Protein backbone atom coordinates (compact mmCIF):
# COMPACT_ATOMS: atom_id res chain seq x y z
CA UNK A 1 0.00 0.00 0.00
CA UNK A 2 1.35 3.42 -0.95
CA UNK A 3 1.05 6.30 1.44
CA UNK A 4 1.31 9.99 0.77
CA UNK A 5 2.58 12.55 3.25
CA UNK A 6 0.90 15.91 2.94
CA UNK A 7 2.78 18.66 4.70
CA UNK A 8 0.55 21.26 6.31
CA UNK A 9 1.77 24.80 5.59
CA UNK A 10 2.19 25.44 9.31
CA UNK A 11 4.27 22.27 9.69
CA UNK A 12 6.64 23.37 6.95
CA UNK A 13 6.87 26.83 8.44
CA UNK A 14 7.64 25.47 11.90
CA UNK A 15 10.24 23.07 10.53
CA UNK A 16 11.88 25.89 8.58
CA UNK A 17 11.95 28.13 11.67
CA UNK A 18 13.42 25.36 13.79
CA UNK A 19 16.16 24.61 11.28
CA UNK A 20 16.96 28.32 10.88
CA UNK A 21 17.26 28.64 14.66
CA UNK A 22 19.62 25.67 14.83
CA UNK A 23 21.59 26.99 11.83
CA UNK A 24 22.33 30.26 13.62
CA UNK A 25 24.43 28.27 16.07
CA UNK A 26 25.53 25.31 13.96
CA UNK A 27 24.67 25.22 10.23
CA UNK A 28 26.03 21.69 9.84
CA UNK A 29 23.81 20.41 12.64
CA UNK A 30 20.78 22.11 11.08
CA UNK A 31 21.42 20.41 7.74
CA UNK A 32 21.96 17.08 9.44
CA UNK A 33 18.76 17.44 11.46
CA UNK A 34 16.72 18.48 8.41
CA UNK A 35 18.08 15.57 6.39
CA UNK A 36 17.24 13.14 9.19
CA UNK A 37 13.67 14.43 9.48
CA UNK A 38 13.12 14.13 5.72
CA UNK A 39 14.66 10.64 5.70
CA UNK A 40 12.22 9.52 8.42
CA UNK A 41 9.30 10.93 6.44
CA UNK A 42 10.53 9.08 3.35
CA UNK A 43 10.36 5.82 5.32
CA UNK A 44 6.63 6.39 5.80
CA UNK A 45 5.94 7.51 2.26
CA UNK A 46 8.79 7.29 -0.25
CA UNK A 47 8.95 10.25 -2.66
CA UNK A 48 6.96 9.66 -5.84
CA UNK A 49 8.69 10.05 -9.17
């Protein structure tokens, strides 16, 4: 069964704000954290081509 993740606008905004906050102190950590979050989402619903 295929699943689709639909990001709510507020969710994306909050994620962006969180990563920007982390990036102010450690840009590498922010990228790593963002990549890990997106990888976990992809486990639930792999990106469609």
